[in-house]
N, C-alpha and C. Protein backbone atom coordinates (compact mmCIF):
# COMPACT_ATOMS: atom_id res chain seq x y z
N UNK A 1 69.27 96.85 88.80
CA UNK A 1 70.06 95.83 89.47
C UNK A 1 70.14 96.17 90.96
N UNK A 2 69.76 95.26 91.79
CA UNK A 2 69.86 95.47 93.23
C UNK A 2 71.25 95.11 93.70
N UNK A 3 71.73 95.88 94.65
CA UNK A 3 73.05 95.62 95.21
C UNK A 3 72.86 94.74 96.45
N UNK A 4 73.69 93.74 96.66
CA UNK A 4 73.55 92.90 97.84
C UNK A 4 73.60 93.73 99.12
N UNK A 5 73.18 93.14 100.19
CA UNK A 5 72.99 93.88 101.43
C UNK A 5 74.25 94.47 102.04
N UNK A 6 75.41 93.90 101.80
CA UNK A 6 76.55 94.48 102.50
C UNK A 6 77.91 94.12 101.97
N UNK A 7 78.87 94.86 102.50
CA UNK A 7 80.27 94.62 102.21
C UNK A 7 80.73 93.36 102.91
N UNK A 8 81.57 92.60 102.23
CA UNK A 8 82.15 91.40 102.83
C UNK A 8 83.65 91.44 102.62
N UNK A 9 84.40 91.03 103.66
CA UNK A 9 85.85 90.90 103.51
C UNK A 9 86.14 89.92 102.39
N UNK A 10 87.21 90.17 101.66
CA UNK A 10 87.62 89.25 100.62
C UNK A 10 89.14 89.17 100.60
N UNK A 11 89.65 88.12 100.03
CA UNK A 11 91.09 88.00 99.83
C UNK A 11 91.36 87.71 98.36
N UNK A 12 90.46 88.21 97.49
CA UNK A 12 90.58 87.97 96.05
C UNK A 12 91.78 88.66 95.42
N UNK A 13 92.27 89.72 96.07
CA UNK A 13 93.36 90.49 95.48
C UNK A 13 94.66 90.23 96.20
N UNK A 14 95.72 90.16 95.42
CA UNK A 14 97.06 90.11 96.00
C UNK A 14 97.89 91.19 95.32
N UNK A 15 98.82 91.73 96.06
CA UNK A 15 99.71 92.75 95.52
C UNK A 15 100.78 92.02 94.71
N UNK A 16 100.87 92.32 93.42
CA UNK A 16 101.86 91.64 92.59
C UNK A 16 103.09 92.50 92.33
N UNK A 17 102.96 93.81 92.49
CA UNK A 17 104.12 94.68 92.32
C UNK A 17 103.85 96.03 92.97
N UNK A 18 104.86 96.59 93.61
CA UNK A 18 104.78 97.93 94.17
C UNK A 18 105.90 98.75 93.55
N UNK A 19 105.53 99.82 92.86
CA UNK A 19 106.52 100.73 92.29
C UNK A 19 106.61 101.95 93.19
N UNK A 20 107.78 102.21 93.71
CA UNK A 20 107.97 103.38 94.57
C UNK A 20 109.13 104.20 94.03
N UNK A 21 108.88 104.99 92.99
CA UNK A 21 109.94 105.82 92.45
C UNK A 21 110.31 106.92 93.44
N UNK A 22 111.41 107.59 93.17
CA UNK A 22 111.84 108.69 94.04
C UNK A 22 110.74 109.73 94.19
N UNK A 23 110.04 110.01 93.12
CA UNK A 23 108.95 110.97 93.17
C UNK A 23 107.64 110.23 93.42
N UNK A 24 106.83 110.76 94.31
CA UNK A 24 105.51 110.19 94.50
C UNK A 24 104.68 110.57 93.29
N UNK A 25 103.63 109.92 92.90
CA UNK A 25 102.98 108.88 93.67
C UNK A 25 103.53 107.49 93.35
N UNK A 26 103.49 106.66 94.34
CA UNK A 26 103.83 105.26 94.12
C UNK A 26 102.58 104.56 93.59
N UNK A 27 102.75 103.34 93.11
CA UNK A 27 101.60 102.62 92.60
C UNK A 27 101.70 101.14 92.96
N UNK A 28 100.53 100.52 93.05
CA UNK A 28 100.42 99.10 93.37
C UNK A 28 99.74 98.41 92.19
N UNK A 29 100.26 97.28 91.79
CA UNK A 29 99.57 96.45 90.80
C UNK A 29 98.94 95.28 91.54
N UNK A 30 97.64 95.14 91.36
CA UNK A 30 96.88 94.08 92.01
C UNK A 30 96.59 92.98 91.01
N UNK A 31 96.59 91.76 91.50
CA UNK A 31 96.16 90.62 90.70
C UNK A 31 94.89 90.07 91.33
N UNK A 32 93.85 89.96 90.52
CA UNK A 32 92.59 89.38 90.97
C UNK A 32 92.71 87.87 90.81
N UNK A 33 92.85 87.18 91.93
CA UNK A 33 93.15 85.74 91.91
C UNK A 33 92.16 84.92 91.09
N UNK A 34 90.84 85.13 91.26
CA UNK A 34 89.91 84.28 90.51
C UNK A 34 90.01 84.42 88.99
N UNK A 35 90.33 85.62 88.48
CA UNK A 35 90.32 85.84 87.02
C UNK A 35 91.70 86.04 86.42
N UNK A 36 92.69 86.39 87.23
CA UNK A 36 94.02 86.68 86.71
C UNK A 36 94.15 88.08 86.14
N UNK A 37 93.07 88.88 86.21
CA UNK A 37 93.14 90.27 85.73
C UNK A 37 94.04 91.10 86.64
N UNK A 38 94.63 92.15 86.07
CA UNK A 38 95.49 93.04 86.84
C UNK A 38 94.98 94.48 86.72
N UNK A 39 95.24 95.28 87.75
CA UNK A 39 94.99 96.71 87.69
C UNK A 39 96.06 97.42 88.51
N UNK A 40 96.39 98.64 88.12
CA UNK A 40 97.40 99.42 88.82
C UNK A 40 96.74 100.68 89.38
N UNK A 41 96.95 100.92 90.66
CA UNK A 41 96.34 102.05 91.35
C UNK A 41 97.40 102.78 92.18
N UNK A 42 97.11 104.03 92.55
CA UNK A 42 98.03 104.77 93.40
C UNK A 42 98.02 104.20 94.81
N UNK A 43 99.17 104.23 95.44
CA UNK A 43 99.31 103.73 96.80
C UNK A 43 100.53 102.84 96.92
N UNK A 44 100.83 102.45 98.14
CA UNK A 44 101.97 101.56 98.38
C UNK A 44 101.60 100.36 99.25
N UNK A 45 100.54 100.50 100.06
CA UNK A 45 100.13 99.44 100.98
C UNK A 45 98.64 99.15 100.80
N UNK A 46 98.29 97.88 100.75
CA UNK A 46 96.88 97.48 100.72
C UNK A 46 96.40 97.40 102.16
N UNK A 47 95.47 98.28 102.52
CA UNK A 47 94.96 98.34 103.89
C UNK A 47 93.71 97.50 104.10
N UNK A 48 92.95 97.26 103.05
CA UNK A 48 91.73 96.46 103.17
C UNK A 48 91.11 96.20 101.82
N UNK A 49 90.36 95.10 101.72
CA UNK A 49 89.67 94.75 100.48
C UNK A 49 88.32 94.14 100.82
N UNK A 50 87.30 94.59 100.11
CA UNK A 50 85.93 94.16 100.36
C UNK A 50 85.23 93.91 99.04
N UNK A 51 84.21 93.08 99.13
CA UNK A 51 83.38 92.78 97.96
C UNK A 51 81.95 93.17 98.29
N UNK A 52 81.26 93.74 97.30
CA UNK A 52 79.84 94.01 97.44
C UNK A 52 79.20 93.70 96.09
N UNK A 53 78.52 92.58 96.02
CA UNK A 53 77.98 92.11 94.74
C UNK A 53 79.12 91.80 93.79
N UNK A 54 79.10 92.40 92.61
CA UNK A 54 80.15 92.22 91.62
C UNK A 54 81.18 93.35 91.65
N UNK A 55 81.20 94.11 92.73
CA UNK A 55 82.12 95.25 92.86
C UNK A 55 83.10 94.99 93.98
N UNK A 56 84.23 95.70 93.90
CA UNK A 56 85.28 95.57 94.91
C UNK A 56 85.66 96.94 95.44
N UNK A 57 85.86 97.02 96.74
CA UNK A 57 86.34 98.22 97.41
C UNK A 57 87.75 97.93 97.91
N UNK A 58 88.72 98.72 97.46
CA UNK A 58 90.11 98.57 97.91
C UNK A 58 90.52 99.83 98.65
N UNK A 59 91.17 99.64 99.80
CA UNK A 59 91.71 100.74 100.61
C UNK A 59 93.22 100.64 100.56
N UNK A 60 93.88 101.70 100.10
CA UNK A 60 95.34 101.72 99.97
C UNK A 60 95.88 102.97 100.63
N UNK A 61 97.08 102.87 101.16
CA UNK A 61 97.75 104.05 101.71
C UNK A 61 99.10 104.20 101.02
N UNK A 62 99.71 105.38 101.19
CA UNK A 62 100.99 105.67 100.54
C UNK A 62 102.19 105.18 101.34
N UNK A 63 102.00 104.91 102.62
CA UNK A 63 103.11 104.44 103.44
C UNK A 63 104.10 105.53 103.80
N UNK A 64 103.64 106.78 103.86
CA UNK A 64 104.48 107.91 104.24
C UNK A 64 104.00 108.38 105.61
N UNK A 65 104.77 108.14 106.67
CA UNK A 65 104.28 108.34 108.04
C UNK A 65 103.66 109.70 108.35
N UNK A 66 104.26 110.80 107.94
CA UNK A 66 103.73 112.10 108.33
C UNK A 66 102.91 112.79 107.25
N UNK A 67 102.70 112.14 106.13
CA UNK A 67 101.85 112.70 105.08
C UNK A 67 101.05 111.58 104.44
N UNK A 68 100.39 110.81 105.27
CA UNK A 68 99.65 109.65 104.79
C UNK A 68 98.41 110.07 104.02
N UNK A 69 98.15 109.36 102.93
CA UNK A 69 96.92 109.54 102.16
C UNK A 69 96.25 108.18 102.06
N UNK A 70 94.96 108.15 102.32
CA UNK A 70 94.17 106.94 102.17
C UNK A 70 93.43 107.04 100.84
N UNK A 71 93.65 106.08 99.97
CA UNK A 71 92.99 106.01 98.67
C UNK A 71 91.87 104.99 98.78
N UNK A 72 90.68 105.35 98.34
CA UNK A 72 89.51 104.47 98.38
C UNK A 72 89.04 104.26 96.94
N UNK A 73 89.09 103.02 96.48
CA UNK A 73 88.76 102.70 95.09
C UNK A 73 87.58 101.74 95.04
N UNK A 74 86.65 102.00 94.14
CA UNK A 74 85.57 101.07 93.85
C UNK A 74 85.75 100.59 92.41
N UNK A 75 85.89 99.27 92.24
CA UNK A 75 86.13 98.66 90.93
C UNK A 75 84.98 97.75 90.56
N UNK A 76 84.74 97.61 89.26
CA UNK A 76 83.74 96.64 88.82
C UNK A 76 84.39 95.26 88.65
N UNK A 77 83.62 94.29 88.16
CA UNK A 77 84.13 92.92 88.06
C UNK A 77 85.25 92.77 87.03
N UNK A 78 85.38 93.75 86.10
CA UNK A 78 86.47 93.73 85.12
C UNK A 78 87.65 94.58 85.59
N UNK A 79 87.60 95.01 86.85
CA UNK A 79 88.61 95.85 87.49
C UNK A 79 88.70 97.24 86.88
N UNK A 80 87.60 97.71 86.31
CA UNK A 80 87.52 99.09 85.82
C UNK A 80 87.15 99.99 86.99
N UNK A 81 87.81 101.13 87.08
CA UNK A 81 87.60 102.06 88.18
C UNK A 81 86.24 102.74 88.03
N UNK A 82 85.38 102.57 89.03
CA UNK A 82 84.06 103.21 89.04
C UNK A 82 84.10 104.53 89.80
N UNK A 83 84.82 104.56 90.91
CA UNK A 83 84.86 105.76 91.75
C UNK A 83 86.14 105.75 92.56
N UNK A 84 86.58 106.95 92.94
CA UNK A 84 87.85 107.08 93.67
C UNK A 84 87.78 108.32 94.57
N UNK A 85 88.18 108.14 95.80
CA UNK A 85 88.27 109.23 96.77
C UNK A 85 89.64 109.17 97.44
N UNK A 86 90.08 110.32 97.96
CA UNK A 86 91.32 110.37 98.75
C UNK A 86 91.04 111.11 100.04
N UNK A 87 91.70 110.67 101.09
CA UNK A 87 91.59 111.31 102.39
C UNK A 87 93.01 111.54 102.89
N UNK A 88 93.38 112.80 103.12
CA UNK A 88 94.73 113.08 103.57
C UNK A 88 94.94 114.55 103.86
N UNK A 89 95.95 114.86 104.65
CA UNK A 89 96.29 116.23 105.00
C UNK A 89 97.80 116.35 105.13
N UNK A 90 98.39 117.46 104.65
CA UNK A 90 99.84 117.63 104.76
C UNK A 90 100.29 117.63 106.22
N UNK A 91 101.44 117.04 106.45
CA UNK A 91 102.08 117.00 107.78
C UNK A 91 101.18 116.39 108.85
N UNK A 92 100.33 115.47 108.44
CA UNK A 92 99.40 114.83 109.37
C UNK A 92 99.53 113.32 109.27
N UNK A 93 99.78 112.70 110.39
CA UNK A 93 99.85 111.23 110.41
C UNK A 93 98.45 110.66 110.23
N UNK A 94 98.35 109.61 109.46
CA UNK A 94 97.07 108.95 109.26
C UNK A 94 97.26 107.45 109.35
N UNK A 95 96.52 106.83 110.23
CA UNK A 95 96.54 105.38 110.37
C UNK A 95 95.10 104.92 110.41
N UNK A 96 94.74 104.04 109.49
CA UNK A 96 93.37 103.55 109.46
C UNK A 96 93.18 102.52 110.57
N UNK A 97 92.12 102.68 111.34
CA UNK A 97 91.84 101.77 112.45
C UNK A 97 90.34 101.76 112.72
N UNK A 98 89.94 100.95 113.66
CA UNK A 98 88.54 100.84 114.09
C UNK A 98 87.59 100.64 112.90
N UNK A 99 87.96 99.76 112.00
CA UNK A 99 87.14 99.51 110.81
C UNK A 99 85.91 98.70 111.20
N UNK A 100 84.76 99.18 110.76
CA UNK A 100 83.51 98.49 111.01
C UNK A 100 82.69 98.42 109.73
N UNK A 101 81.95 97.35 109.55
CA UNK A 101 81.12 97.17 108.36
C UNK A 101 79.69 96.96 108.81
N UNK A 102 78.79 97.73 108.21
CA UNK A 102 77.36 97.54 108.47
C UNK A 102 76.63 97.78 107.16
N UNK A 103 76.16 96.72 106.56
CA UNK A 103 75.50 96.84 105.27
C UNK A 103 76.48 97.31 104.21
N UNK A 104 76.08 98.35 103.48
CA UNK A 104 76.92 98.91 102.42
C UNK A 104 77.76 100.07 102.94
N UNK A 105 77.94 100.13 104.24
CA UNK A 105 78.70 101.22 104.87
C UNK A 105 79.93 100.69 105.57
N UNK A 106 81.01 101.46 105.43
CA UNK A 106 82.28 101.15 106.09
C UNK A 106 82.61 102.33 106.98
N UNK A 107 82.79 102.08 108.27
CA UNK A 107 83.20 103.14 109.18
C UNK A 107 84.64 102.88 109.59
N UNK A 108 85.37 103.96 109.82
CA UNK A 108 86.77 103.83 110.22
C UNK A 108 87.27 105.12 110.83
N UNK A 109 88.39 105.02 111.51
CA UNK A 109 89.10 106.17 112.06
C UNK A 109 90.36 106.31 111.25
N UNK A 110 90.75 107.57 110.95
CA UNK A 110 91.97 107.73 110.16
C UNK A 110 93.00 108.64 110.81
N UNK A 111 92.69 109.89 111.10
CA UNK A 111 93.70 110.82 111.60
C UNK A 111 93.96 110.69 113.09
N UNK A 112 92.91 110.62 113.86
CA UNK A 112 93.04 110.53 115.32
C UNK A 112 91.94 109.61 115.83
N UNK A 113 92.04 109.24 117.09
CA UNK A 113 91.09 108.27 117.63
C UNK A 113 89.66 108.78 117.63
N UNK A 114 89.46 110.10 117.54
CA UNK A 114 88.10 110.64 117.55
C UNK A 114 87.69 111.18 116.18
N UNK A 115 88.43 110.85 115.14
CA UNK A 115 88.14 111.33 113.79
C UNK A 115 87.51 110.19 112.99
N UNK A 116 86.20 110.05 113.11
CA UNK A 116 85.48 108.94 112.51
C UNK A 116 84.96 109.30 111.12
N UNK A 117 85.04 108.33 110.21
CA UNK A 117 84.62 108.52 108.84
C UNK A 117 83.63 107.43 108.44
N UNK A 118 82.78 107.77 107.46
CA UNK A 118 81.78 106.84 106.94
C UNK A 118 81.89 106.83 105.42
N UNK A 119 82.08 105.66 104.86
CA UNK A 119 82.09 105.47 103.41
C UNK A 119 80.87 104.63 103.07
N UNK A 120 80.02 105.15 102.21
CA UNK A 120 78.80 104.44 101.83
C UNK A 120 78.83 104.11 100.34
N UNK A 121 78.60 102.85 100.02
CA UNK A 121 78.47 102.41 98.63
C UNK A 121 77.01 102.59 98.24
N UNK A 122 76.76 103.38 97.21
CA UNK A 122 75.39 103.68 96.81
C UNK A 122 74.79 102.52 96.01
N UNK A 123 73.53 102.23 96.25
CA UNK A 123 72.84 101.16 95.52
C UNK A 123 72.68 101.54 94.05
N UNK A 124 72.44 102.82 93.80
CA UNK A 124 72.31 103.35 92.45
C UNK A 124 73.22 104.55 92.31
N UNK A 125 74.14 104.54 91.37
CA UNK A 125 75.01 105.71 91.19
C UNK A 125 74.18 106.94 90.85
N UNK A 126 74.69 108.11 91.22
CA UNK A 126 73.95 109.34 90.93
C UNK A 126 74.92 110.42 90.46
N UNK A 127 74.42 111.25 89.55
CA UNK A 127 75.19 112.39 89.09
C UNK A 127 75.09 113.48 90.14
N UNK A 128 76.23 114.06 90.48
CA UNK A 128 76.21 115.07 91.52
C UNK A 128 77.36 116.04 91.32
N UNK A 129 77.09 117.30 91.62
CA UNK A 129 78.14 118.31 91.68
C UNK A 129 78.81 118.14 93.03
N UNK A 130 80.05 117.77 93.03
CA UNK A 130 80.74 117.48 94.29
C UNK A 130 81.87 118.46 94.51
N UNK A 131 81.77 119.20 95.57
CA UNK A 131 82.82 120.10 96.00
C UNK A 131 83.35 119.56 97.32
N UNK A 132 84.39 118.76 97.25
CA UNK A 132 84.86 118.09 98.46
C UNK A 132 85.36 119.07 99.50
N UNK A 133 85.20 118.69 100.73
CA UNK A 133 85.68 119.49 101.86
C UNK A 133 86.95 118.88 102.41
N UNK A 134 87.90 119.74 102.65
CA UNK A 134 89.19 119.33 103.22
C UNK A 134 88.94 118.46 104.44
N UNK A 135 89.59 117.36 104.63
CA UNK A 135 90.73 116.77 103.94
C UNK A 135 90.36 115.73 102.88
N UNK A 136 89.12 115.77 102.37
CA UNK A 136 88.69 114.82 101.35
C UNK A 136 89.01 115.39 99.97
N UNK A 137 89.54 114.54 99.10
CA UNK A 137 89.84 114.95 97.72
C UNK A 137 89.21 113.97 96.76
N UNK A 138 88.72 114.52 95.66
CA UNK A 138 88.16 113.71 94.59
C UNK A 138 89.10 113.72 93.41
N UNK A 139 89.12 112.64 92.68
CA UNK A 139 89.88 112.59 91.43
C UNK A 139 88.88 112.79 90.30
N UNK A 140 89.26 113.57 89.32
CA UNK A 140 88.38 113.76 88.17
C UNK A 140 87.56 115.02 88.27
N UNK A 141 86.41 114.99 87.63
CA UNK A 141 85.55 116.16 87.48
C UNK A 141 84.72 116.43 88.72
N UNK A 142 84.26 117.66 88.82
CA UNK A 142 83.38 118.02 89.93
C UNK A 142 81.96 117.50 89.71
N UNK A 143 81.50 117.53 88.46
CA UNK A 143 80.21 116.93 88.15
C UNK A 143 80.51 115.51 87.69
N UNK A 144 80.08 114.56 88.47
CA UNK A 144 80.48 113.19 88.19
C UNK A 144 79.43 112.20 88.67
N UNK A 145 79.54 111.01 88.15
CA UNK A 145 78.66 109.93 88.57
C UNK A 145 79.28 109.30 89.81
N UNK A 146 78.61 109.45 90.92
CA UNK A 146 79.12 108.95 92.19
C UNK A 146 78.57 107.56 92.48
N UNK A 147 79.49 106.66 92.86
CA UNK A 147 79.12 105.30 93.26
C UNK A 147 79.27 105.13 94.77
N UNK A 148 80.00 106.07 95.39
CA UNK A 148 80.18 106.01 96.84
C UNK A 148 80.34 107.43 97.38
N UNK A 149 80.06 107.57 98.67
CA UNK A 149 80.11 108.86 99.35
C UNK A 149 80.97 108.71 100.59
N UNK A 150 81.87 109.67 100.79
CA UNK A 150 82.74 109.68 101.97
C UNK A 150 82.46 110.95 102.76
N UNK A 151 82.20 110.79 104.05
CA UNK A 151 81.94 111.95 104.91
C UNK A 151 82.33 111.62 106.34
N UNK A 152 82.47 112.68 107.13
CA UNK A 152 82.72 112.48 108.56
C UNK A 152 81.49 111.84 109.19
N UNK A 153 81.74 110.95 110.10
CA UNK A 153 80.65 110.26 110.79
C UNK A 153 80.13 111.16 111.91
N UNK A 154 78.84 111.19 112.06
CA UNK A 154 78.23 112.05 113.09
C UNK A 154 78.32 111.43 114.46
């Protein structure tokens, strides 16, 4: 299956509920407008949503000013989680800005104006031993099927 050429902005998702208990993590429930399907993910704020073929990329943050975490989720058309990355550092402010899209790549700044990141959606998922480098965190196993790659931009 070929993946379309690039990410496109979408407004298919709306936040239907935000749970922010005293203890983190908070969670967001999204409603996919075209299908009515729901999914719940970690985070408190929807920072961006994109479509690439039959997949969706959602960017969420926790909304905690001095300990911000950016959650990056790739979902399939049934809203099943395909891949998940986190970007964050203790006692560090993070604000996503300077978002750019080129093909299947999303560039953005998160921690400071000169801290550029690149998220690439892979055309074909691949099995890889992933040992993330601080401040990037992976959820799940170290040997995993990767659908996207997050790294500092050169």
